[in-house]
N, C-alpha and C. Protein backbone atom coordinates (compact mmCIF):
# COMPACT_ATOMS: atom_id res chain seq x y z
N MET A 1 18.13 -9.18 -2.32
CA MET A 1 17.34 -9.13 -3.38
C MET A 1 17.04 -8.12 -4.37
N PRO A 2 17.10 -8.26 -5.68
CA PRO A 2 16.84 -7.16 -6.60
C PRO A 2 15.49 -6.55 -6.40
N ALA A 3 15.57 -5.42 -6.89
CA ALA A 3 13.88 -4.65 -7.18
C ALA A 3 13.30 -5.80 -8.37
N GLN A 4 11.78 -5.66 -7.93
CA GLN A 4 10.93 -6.88 -8.97
C GLN A 4 10.27 -5.81 -10.05
N ARG A 5 9.57 -6.56 -10.68
CA ARG A 5 8.74 -5.48 -11.30
C ARG A 5 7.27 -5.26 -10.69
N ILE A 6 7.06 -4.05 -11.29
CA ILE A 6 5.39 -4.10 -10.06
C ILE A 6 4.44 -4.22 -11.47
N LEU A 7 3.50 -4.73 -10.62
CA LEU A 7 2.31 -5.58 -11.66
C LEU A 7 1.62 -4.09 -12.03
N GLU A 8 0.83 -4.02 -13.08
CA GLU A 8 0.42 -2.55 -13.55
C GLU A 8 -1.16 -2.59 -13.71
N LEU A 9 -2.04 -2.18 -13.93
CA LEU A 9 -3.50 -2.19 -14.03
C LEU A 9 -3.67 -3.05 -15.53
N GLY A 10 -4.39 -4.12 -15.51
CA GLY A 10 -4.52 -4.95 -16.47
C GLY A 10 -4.30 -6.58 -16.03
N ASP A 11 -3.28 -6.60 -14.69
CA ASP A 11 -2.91 -7.80 -14.31
C ASP A 11 -3.92 -8.34 -13.62
N PRO A 12 -4.08 -9.70 -13.82
CA PRO A 12 -5.46 -10.07 -13.01
C PRO A 12 -5.10 -10.41 -11.84
N ARG A 13 -4.16 -10.28 -11.08
CA ARG A 13 -3.44 -10.93 -9.93
C ARG A 13 -3.75 -9.52 -9.08
N LEU A 14 -3.48 -8.65 -9.74
CA LEU A 14 -4.16 -7.08 -8.39
C LEU A 14 -5.47 -7.12 -8.10
N TRP A 15 -6.19 -8.14 -8.77
CA TRP A 15 -7.67 -7.83 -8.38
C TRP A 15 -7.89 -9.40 -7.70
N SER A 16 -6.75 -10.20 -7.16
CA SER A 16 -7.37 -11.04 -6.23
C SER A 16 -6.80 -11.03 -4.76
N ALA A 17 -7.50 -11.79 -4.22
CA ALA A 17 -7.45 -11.78 -2.55
C ALA A 17 -5.96 -12.12 -2.13
N SER A 18 -5.28 -12.03 -1.07
CA SER A 18 -4.17 -12.64 -0.85
C SER A 18 -4.26 -13.46 0.25
N GLU A 19 -3.44 -14.67 0.48
CA GLU A 19 -3.58 -15.59 1.40
C GLU A 19 -2.81 -15.34 2.96
N ARG A 20 -3.42 -15.43 3.93
CA ARG A 20 -2.81 -15.00 4.97
C ARG A 20 -1.37 -15.64 5.27
N VAL A 21 -0.71 -15.09 6.05
CA VAL A 21 0.69 -15.86 6.17
C VAL A 21 0.39 -16.66 7.56
N ALA A 22 1.25 -17.88 7.11
CA ALA A 22 1.05 -18.84 8.03
C ALA A 22 2.40 -18.51 9.06
N GLU A 23 3.51 -18.28 8.95
CA GLU A 23 4.44 -18.20 9.38
C GLU A 23 5.73 -17.13 9.01
N ALA A 24 5.21 -16.03 10.10
CA ALA A 24 5.97 -14.88 9.09
C ALA A 24 7.47 -15.05 9.09
N ARG A 25 8.25 -15.85 9.91
CA ARG A 25 9.54 -16.06 10.00
C ARG A 25 10.08 -17.01 8.83
N SER A 26 9.19 -17.56 8.16
CA SER A 26 9.58 -18.64 6.91
C SER A 26 10.75 -17.57 5.90
N SER A 27 11.31 -18.59 5.10
CA SER A 27 12.21 -18.23 4.09
C SER A 27 11.65 -17.54 3.30
N ASP A 28 10.74 -18.05 2.75
CA ASP A 28 9.63 -17.43 1.43
C ASP A 28 9.15 -15.62 2.11
N VAL A 29 8.71 -15.69 3.17
CA VAL A 29 7.81 -14.54 3.80
C VAL A 29 9.00 -13.42 3.87
N GLN A 30 10.28 -13.77 4.65
CA GLN A 30 11.52 -13.08 4.91
C GLN A 30 11.98 -12.81 3.51
N GLY A 31 11.91 -13.41 2.39
CA GLY A 31 12.63 -13.08 1.10
C GLY A 31 11.53 -12.28 0.61
N ALA A 32 10.07 -12.20 0.45
CA ALA A 32 8.93 -11.52 -0.05
C ALA A 32 9.45 -10.00 0.75
N ILE A 33 9.62 -9.62 1.77
CA ILE A 33 9.75 -8.81 2.74
C ILE A 33 11.13 -8.01 1.95
N ARG A 34 12.35 -8.41 1.88
CA ARG A 34 13.32 -7.94 1.54
C ARG A 34 13.04 -7.65 -0.19
N ASP A 35 12.40 -8.07 -1.10
CA ASP A 35 12.05 -7.88 -2.53
C ASP A 35 11.03 -6.73 -2.27
N LEU A 36 10.22 -6.50 -1.58
CA LEU A 36 9.69 -5.45 -1.14
C LEU A 36 10.08 -4.26 -1.01
N ALA A 37 10.83 -4.33 -0.12
CA ALA A 37 12.06 -3.17 0.80
C ALA A 37 13.03 -2.59 -0.69
N ASP A 38 13.57 -3.78 -1.08
CA ASP A 38 14.21 -3.26 -2.67
C ASP A 38 13.43 -2.72 -3.69
N THR A 39 12.34 -3.18 -3.82
CA THR A 39 11.45 -2.70 -4.97
C THR A 39 11.20 -1.32 -4.67
N LEU A 40 10.25 -0.91 -3.40
CA LEU A 40 10.02 0.08 -2.86
C LEU A 40 11.75 1.35 -3.06
N ALA A 41 12.97 0.71 -2.60
CA ALA A 41 13.72 1.70 -2.63
C ALA A 41 14.14 2.11 -3.83
N SER A 42 13.99 1.31 -5.23
CA SER A 42 14.36 1.39 -6.41
C SER A 42 13.14 2.35 -7.06
N PHE A 43 12.00 2.27 -6.56
CA PHE A 43 11.01 2.95 -7.38
C PHE A 43 11.05 4.46 -6.71
N ARG A 44 11.38 4.85 -5.41
CA ARG A 44 11.85 5.99 -4.79
C ARG A 44 12.95 6.52 -5.32
N GLU A 45 13.94 5.79 -5.74
CA GLU A 45 14.96 6.44 -5.97
C GLU A 45 15.15 6.74 -7.62
N ALA A 46 14.07 5.77 -8.25
CA ALA A 46 13.88 6.42 -9.71
C ALA A 46 12.79 7.42 -9.67
N ASN A 47 11.65 7.48 -8.92
CA ASN A 47 10.98 8.52 -8.99
C ASN A 47 10.50 9.85 -8.29
N GLY A 48 11.52 9.93 -7.29
CA GLY A 48 11.15 10.74 -5.99
C GLY A 48 10.35 10.44 -5.44
N PHE A 49 9.73 9.63 -5.07
CA PHE A 49 8.50 9.35 -4.28
C PHE A 49 7.91 7.98 -4.14
N GLY A 50 6.99 7.54 -3.24
CA GLY A 50 7.08 6.27 -2.81
C GLY A 50 7.07 5.76 -1.21
N ARG A 51 5.95 5.78 -0.64
CA ARG A 51 6.28 5.08 0.75
C ARG A 51 6.01 3.59 1.22
N GLY A 52 5.20 2.94 0.03
CA GLY A 52 4.44 1.42 1.10
C GLY A 52 4.45 0.91 -0.70
N ILE A 53 4.57 -0.52 -0.24
CA ILE A 53 3.85 -1.38 -1.44
C ILE A 53 3.66 -2.64 -0.58
N ALA A 54 2.76 -3.13 -1.30
CA ALA A 54 1.88 -4.59 -1.23
C ALA A 54 2.52 -5.51 -1.86
N ALA A 55 2.62 -7.09 -1.47
CA ALA A 55 2.92 -8.13 -2.20
C ALA A 55 2.39 -8.37 -3.33
N PRO A 56 1.20 -8.07 -3.47
CA PRO A 56 0.38 -8.42 -4.92
C PRO A 56 1.07 -7.61 -5.63
N GLN A 57 1.52 -6.36 -5.77
CA GLN A 57 1.68 -5.41 -6.73
C GLN A 57 3.50 -6.05 -7.12
N ILE A 58 3.80 -6.80 -6.97
CA ILE A 58 4.91 -7.85 -7.30
C ILE A 58 4.74 -8.95 -7.76
N GLY A 59 3.52 -9.53 -7.14
CA GLY A 59 3.13 -11.02 -7.69
C GLY A 59 2.94 -11.81 -6.69
N ILE A 60 3.17 -11.65 -5.39
CA ILE A 60 2.82 -12.50 -4.43
C ILE A 60 1.78 -12.32 -3.64
N LEU A 61 0.92 -13.29 -4.16
CA LEU A 61 -0.34 -12.84 -3.15
C LEU A 61 -0.57 -13.50 -1.48
N ARG A 62 0.30 -12.95 -1.13
CA ARG A 62 0.50 -13.24 0.53
C ARG A 62 0.28 -11.87 1.32
N ARG A 63 -0.48 -11.98 2.63
CA ARG A 63 -0.54 -10.63 3.10
C ARG A 63 0.25 -9.91 3.59
N VAL A 64 1.29 -9.13 3.02
CA VAL A 64 2.82 -8.35 3.77
C VAL A 64 2.54 -7.24 2.64
N ILE A 65 2.86 -6.01 3.49
CA ILE A 65 3.02 -5.02 2.95
C ILE A 65 4.07 -4.37 3.54
N PHE A 66 4.76 -3.35 2.84
CA PHE A 66 6.38 -2.77 3.59
C PHE A 66 5.94 -1.49 3.04
N ILE A 67 6.14 -0.48 4.43
CA ILE A 67 6.08 1.05 4.57
C ILE A 67 7.50 1.25 5.01
N ARG A 68 7.85 2.42 4.16
CA ARG A 68 8.89 3.36 4.79
C ARG A 68 8.38 4.83 4.67
N MET A 69 8.32 5.22 5.82
CA MET A 69 7.81 6.91 5.63
C MET A 69 8.92 7.65 5.67
N GLN A 70 8.91 8.59 5.01
CA GLN A 70 10.20 9.14 4.33
C GLN A 70 10.00 10.62 5.09
N PRO A 71 10.70 11.45 5.64
CA PRO A 71 12.25 11.11 6.10
C PRO A 71 12.15 9.85 7.55
N THR A 72 11.16 10.63 8.02
CA THR A 72 11.19 9.88 9.21
C THR A 72 9.77 9.43 9.46
N GLY A 73 9.50 7.95 10.28
CA GLY A 73 8.16 7.44 11.02
C GLY A 73 8.47 6.14 10.80
N PHE A 74 7.56 5.59 10.39
CA PHE A 74 7.37 4.19 10.28
C PHE A 74 8.05 3.30 9.20
N HIS A 75 9.19 2.42 9.82
CA HIS A 75 9.74 1.55 8.83
C HIS A 75 9.21 0.14 8.63
N GLY A 76 9.01 -0.70 8.09
CA GLY A 76 9.26 -2.03 8.18
C GLY A 76 7.85 -2.58 7.81
N ALA A 77 8.05 -4.12 7.68
CA ALA A 77 6.69 -5.08 7.20
C ALA A 77 5.35 -5.06 8.07
N LEU A 78 4.49 -5.25 7.77
CA LEU A 78 3.00 -5.73 8.55
C LEU A 78 2.67 -6.75 7.93
N ILE A 79 2.60 -7.74 8.59
CA ILE A 79 2.17 -9.24 8.00
C ILE A 79 1.01 -9.27 8.63
N ASN A 80 -0.34 -10.01 7.61
CA ASN A 80 -1.74 -10.06 8.03
C ASN A 80 -2.37 -8.91 8.82
N PRO A 81 -2.03 -7.69 8.18
CA PRO A 81 -2.49 -6.11 8.85
C PRO A 81 -4.17 -6.53 8.38
N GLU A 82 -4.61 -5.95 9.51
CA GLU A 82 -6.02 -5.74 9.75
C GLU A 82 -6.65 -4.65 10.45
N ILE A 83 -7.41 -3.98 9.69
CA ILE A 83 -7.95 -2.25 10.39
C ILE A 83 -8.83 -3.12 11.26
N ILE A 84 -8.40 -2.89 12.59
CA ILE A 84 -9.61 -2.96 13.56
C ILE A 84 -10.41 -2.23 14.08
N ARG A 85 -9.86 -0.50 13.61
CA ARG A 85 -10.90 0.35 14.16
C ARG A 85 -10.57 1.49 13.71
N GLN A 86 -11.92 2.15 12.94
CA GLN A 86 -11.62 3.32 11.84
C GLN A 86 -12.33 4.54 12.58
N SER A 87 -12.01 5.74 12.29
CA SER A 87 -12.77 6.75 12.79
C SER A 87 -13.68 7.17 11.71
N PRO A 88 -14.94 7.66 12.31
CA PRO A 88 -16.23 8.31 11.28
C PRO A 88 -15.58 9.36 10.55
N ASP A 89 -14.57 10.36 11.08
CA ASP A 89 -14.57 11.45 10.59
C ASP A 89 -13.52 10.77 9.24
N ARG A 90 -13.35 11.42 7.62
CA ARG A 90 -12.88 11.31 6.83
C ARG A 90 -12.08 12.08 6.08
N LEU A 91 -10.83 11.74 5.43
CA LEU A 91 -10.38 12.30 4.51
C LEU A 91 -10.76 12.15 3.09
N GLU A 92 -10.33 13.35 2.25
CA GLU A 92 -10.58 13.38 1.10
C GLU A 92 -9.11 13.59 0.22
N LEU A 93 -8.84 13.03 -0.46
CA LEU A 93 -7.48 13.09 -1.30
C LEU A 93 -7.02 12.48 -2.78
N TRP A 94 -5.94 13.32 -3.34
CA TRP A 94 -5.83 12.52 -4.46
C TRP A 94 -5.01 11.33 -4.09
N ASP A 95 -4.97 10.23 -4.55
CA ASP A 95 -4.42 8.99 -4.16
C ASP A 95 -3.57 8.35 -5.43
N ASP A 96 -2.39 8.21 -5.28
CA ASP A 96 -1.61 7.57 -6.39
C ASP A 96 -0.92 6.58 -6.14
N CYS A 97 -0.59 5.17 -7.21
CA CYS A 97 -0.44 4.06 -6.89
C CYS A 97 0.88 3.41 -7.85
N PHE A 98 1.77 2.77 -7.36
CA PHE A 98 2.50 2.08 -8.50
C PHE A 98 2.17 1.47 -9.87
N SER A 99 1.10 0.74 -9.47
CA SER A 99 0.67 -0.47 -10.11
C SER A 99 -0.75 0.58 -10.84
N LEU A 100 -1.04 1.62 -10.73
CA LEU A 100 -1.83 2.67 -12.11
C LEU A 100 -0.89 3.45 -12.39
N PRO A 101 0.25 3.42 -12.84
CA PRO A 101 0.92 4.66 -13.72
C PRO A 101 0.43 6.05 -14.18
N ASN A 102 1.05 7.06 -13.63
CA ASN A 102 0.38 8.21 -14.31
C ASN A 102 -1.00 8.49 -13.84
N LEU A 103 -1.51 7.54 -13.12
CA LEU A 103 -2.97 8.18 -12.73
C LEU A 103 -3.55 8.50 -11.31
N MET A 104 -4.00 9.49 -11.07
CA MET A 104 -4.41 9.98 -9.72
C MET A 104 -5.92 9.34 -9.60
N VAL A 105 -6.22 9.21 -8.39
CA VAL A 105 -7.68 8.67 -8.31
C VAL A 105 -7.98 9.63 -6.76
N ARG A 106 -9.01 10.55 -6.84
CA ARG A 106 -9.77 10.98 -5.60
C ARG A 106 -10.29 10.04 -4.93
N VAL A 107 -10.06 10.08 -3.74
CA VAL A 107 -10.55 9.11 -2.54
C VAL A 107 -10.90 9.63 -1.61
N SER A 108 -11.94 8.81 -0.75
CA SER A 108 -12.20 9.04 0.72
C SER A 108 -11.72 7.96 1.55
N ARG A 109 -11.43 8.20 2.57
CA ARG A 109 -10.50 7.19 3.57
C ARG A 109 -10.96 7.75 5.35
N ALA A 110 -10.51 6.78 6.09
CA ALA A 110 -11.17 7.13 7.43
C ALA A 110 -9.64 8.06 7.80
N ALA A 111 -10.28 8.98 8.49
CA ALA A 111 -8.87 9.92 8.84
C ALA A 111 -8.21 9.37 10.11
N ARG A 112 -8.16 8.20 10.54
CA ARG A 112 -7.57 7.76 11.66
C ARG A 112 -8.17 6.12 11.89
N ILE A 113 -6.80 5.19 12.11
CA ILE A 113 -7.41 4.00 12.05
C ILE A 113 -6.27 2.96 13.25
N GLU A 114 -6.85 1.84 13.50
CA GLU A 114 -5.72 0.98 14.50
C GLU A 114 -5.73 -0.17 13.50
N VAL A 115 -4.46 -0.64 13.52
CA VAL A 115 -3.87 -1.89 12.67
C VAL A 115 -3.15 -3.05 13.76
N ALA A 116 -4.11 -4.10 12.97
CA ALA A 116 -3.30 -4.93 14.11
C ALA A 116 -2.60 -5.83 13.05
N TYR A 117 -1.28 -6.59 13.22
CA TYR A 117 -0.79 -6.71 12.46
C TYR A 117 0.63 -8.02 13.32
N GLU A 118 1.63 -8.52 12.40
CA GLU A 118 2.29 -9.27 12.71
C GLU A 118 3.65 -9.03 12.10
N ASP A 119 4.63 -8.38 13.24
CA ASP A 119 5.94 -8.00 12.97
C ASP A 119 6.68 -9.17 11.87
N GLU A 120 7.75 -8.79 11.40
CA GLU A 120 8.91 -9.69 10.88
C GLU A 120 9.07 -11.01 11.53
N LEU A 121 9.23 -10.72 13.03
CA LEU A 121 9.24 -11.52 13.91
C LEU A 121 8.16 -12.73 14.39
N GLY A 122 7.17 -12.50 13.72
CA GLY A 122 6.03 -13.05 13.99
C GLY A 122 5.24 -12.40 15.70
N ARG A 123 5.40 -11.41 15.98
CA ARG A 123 5.10 -11.01 16.87
C ARG A 123 3.91 -9.91 16.83
N ARG A 124 2.90 -10.08 17.76
CA ARG A 124 1.37 -9.50 17.33
C ARG A 124 1.71 -8.29 17.51
N GLN A 125 1.44 -6.88 16.58
CA GLN A 125 1.55 -5.78 17.28
C GLN A 125 0.25 -4.85 16.81
N ALA A 126 0.44 -3.36 17.44
CA ALA A 126 -0.99 -2.76 16.67
C ALA A 126 -0.55 -1.29 16.83
N LEU A 127 -0.85 -0.43 15.85
CA LEU A 127 -0.49 0.67 15.67
C LEU A 127 -1.47 1.50 15.44
N GLU A 128 -1.96 2.69 15.55
CA GLU A 128 -2.71 4.07 15.18
C GLU A 128 -2.31 4.83 14.11
N ALA A 129 -2.87 5.05 13.52
CA ALA A 129 -2.32 6.05 12.25
C ALA A 129 -3.41 7.06 11.81
N GLU A 130 -3.13 8.17 11.56
CA GLU A 130 -4.02 9.24 11.07
C GLU A 130 -3.06 9.97 9.85
N GLY A 131 -4.36 10.97 9.57
CA GLY A 131 -3.74 11.63 8.05
C GLY A 131 -3.25 10.74 7.11
N ASP A 132 -2.03 11.37 6.65
CA ASP A 132 -1.49 10.26 5.36
C ASP A 132 -0.92 9.16 5.96
N PHE A 133 -0.81 8.63 6.86
CA PHE A 133 -0.08 7.31 7.05
C PHE A 133 -1.65 6.65 7.54
N SER A 134 -2.70 6.85 7.87
CA SER A 134 -3.83 6.07 7.93
C SER A 134 -4.03 5.92 6.34
N GLU A 135 -4.41 6.95 5.46
CA GLU A 135 -4.79 6.69 4.01
C GLU A 135 -3.74 5.71 3.47
N LEU A 136 -1.99 6.08 3.74
CA LEU A 136 -1.23 4.69 2.96
C LEU A 136 -2.03 3.19 3.43
N LEU A 137 -1.73 3.00 4.98
CA LEU A 137 -2.16 1.74 5.23
C LEU A 137 -3.52 1.47 4.28
N GLN A 138 -4.70 2.07 4.46
CA GLN A 138 -5.62 1.76 4.12
C GLN A 138 -5.64 1.27 2.42
N HIS A 139 -5.03 1.89 1.72
CA HIS A 139 -4.46 1.73 0.60
C HIS A 139 -3.93 0.65 0.40
N GLU A 140 -2.79 0.51 1.04
CA GLU A 140 -2.04 -1.09 0.69
C GLU A 140 -2.89 -2.56 1.64
N ILE A 141 -3.59 -1.94 2.54
CA ILE A 141 -4.28 -3.27 2.90
C ILE A 141 -5.50 -3.65 1.86
N ASP A 142 -6.05 -2.39 1.17
CA ASP A 142 -6.58 -2.59 -0.03
C ASP A 142 -6.58 -3.89 -0.93
N HIS A 143 -4.94 -3.32 -1.11
CA HIS A 143 -4.42 -4.69 -2.52
C HIS A 143 -4.29 -5.78 -1.97
N LEU A 144 -3.89 -6.01 -0.69
CA LEU A 144 -4.32 -7.38 -0.18
C LEU A 144 -5.55 -8.02 -0.52
N ASP A 145 -6.50 -7.40 -0.36
CA ASP A 145 -7.91 -7.78 -0.72
C ASP A 145 -8.34 -7.51 -2.01
N GLY A 146 -7.39 -7.42 -3.07
CA GLY A 146 -7.40 -7.34 -4.33
C GLY A 146 -8.67 -6.17 -4.53
N ILE A 147 -8.58 -4.94 -4.09
CA ILE A 147 -9.18 -3.58 -4.41
C ILE A 147 -8.22 -2.70 -4.74
N LEU A 148 -8.64 -2.00 -5.52
CA LEU A 148 -7.76 -1.00 -6.33
C LEU A 148 -8.14 0.32 -6.09
N ALA A 149 -7.47 1.53 -5.89
CA ALA A 149 -8.02 2.62 -5.70
C ALA A 149 -9.05 3.48 -6.95
N THR A 150 -8.96 2.43 -8.07
CA THR A 150 -10.10 3.04 -8.92
C THR A 150 -11.19 2.69 -8.75
N GLN A 151 -11.53 1.69 -7.87
CA GLN A 151 -12.72 1.43 -6.75
C GLN A 151 -13.20 1.92 -5.76
N ARG A 152 -12.20 3.03 -5.47
CA ARG A 152 -12.58 3.90 -4.18
C ARG A 152 -12.66 5.18 -4.59
N ALA A 153 -12.81 5.58 -5.61
CA ALA A 153 -13.15 6.75 -6.55
C ALA A 153 -14.25 7.19 -6.08
N ILE A 154 -14.27 8.75 -5.30
CA ILE A 154 -15.57 9.22 -5.19
C ILE A 154 -16.63 9.45 -5.81
N SER A 155 -16.36 9.55 -7.51
CA SER A 155 -17.28 9.82 -8.59
C SER A 155 -16.45 9.10 -9.78
N PRO A 156 -17.12 8.99 -10.85
CA PRO A 156 -16.44 8.74 -12.29
C PRO A 156 -15.41 9.82 -12.63
N GLN A 157 -15.57 11.18 -12.01
CA GLN A 157 -15.27 11.92 -12.85
C GLN A 157 -13.26 12.19 -11.77
N ALA A 158 -13.56 11.60 -10.80
CA ALA A 158 -12.38 11.16 -10.02
C ALA A 158 -11.18 10.90 -10.36
N LEU A 159 -10.80 11.04 -11.70
CA LEU A 159 -9.75 10.64 -12.14
C LEU A 159 -8.78 11.44 -12.79
N CYS A 160 -7.56 11.37 -12.50
CA CYS A 160 -6.58 12.50 -13.50
C CYS A 160 -5.60 12.00 -13.96
N THR A 161 -4.81 12.35 -14.62
CA THR A 161 -3.44 12.21 -14.93
C THR A 161 -2.20 12.50 -13.91
N ARG A 162 -1.33 12.24 -13.76
CA ARG A 162 -0.53 12.90 -13.04
C ARG A 162 -0.06 14.28 -13.46
N ALA A 163 0.33 14.04 -15.02
CA ALA A 163 0.51 15.54 -15.40
C ALA A 163 -0.43 16.71 -15.38
N GLU A 164 -1.38 16.26 -15.38
CA GLU A 164 -2.83 17.14 -15.53
C GLU A 164 -2.80 17.52 -13.65
N TRP A 165 -3.04 16.61 -12.78
CA TRP A 165 -2.83 16.83 -11.47
C TRP A 165 -1.87 17.94 -11.12
N LEU A 166 -0.62 17.29 -11.37
CA LEU A 166 0.42 18.47 -11.06
C LEU A 166 0.22 20.17 -11.70
N ARG A 167 -0.28 20.10 -12.94
CA ARG A 167 -0.69 21.74 -13.45
C ARG A 167 -2.04 22.13 -12.64
N ARG A 168 -2.95 21.53 -11.98
CA ARG A 168 -3.97 21.86 -11.36
C ARG A 168 -3.95 22.13 -9.74
N TYR A 169 -3.45 20.95 -9.23
CA TYR A 169 -3.59 20.64 -7.84
C TYR A 169 -2.80 20.89 -7.00
N ARG A 170 -1.52 20.37 -7.56
CA ARG A 170 0.03 20.73 -6.92
C ARG A 170 0.15 21.80 -6.03
């Protein structure tokens, strides 16, 4: 499948909650997974970064995310993911998003989470994540609920252009 256009801030679909997937192995869900994988690979090739993408970001309002941690780590789709446990300790970091081009947002997230989901074959799975992987999963699951990183900003001053972030914080 070809890479899809990534929706950007201002598109009302980004603010919409996604529907649960009834059948993970259906052709439309499998097609969405391929589109997500191809779009993530294309973005990463063009920009040199990118680890995950949620279906709403390509206009598919279904509860599907695709992750590719580089160079090693988790790789694949999470269908109907839900956070079932999170640690009380927090991480604070600069978050970026394909749908918020050139904008960095300072957020606070749980340092560790446990996520239940279905894999591409519809089998129930669970995983534990910490650090960057925990933050990434929380970010992508937020997309499924129509929540953008700007809504998680720790303060009104917690926004920065990518160019300024590179100058000040990299």
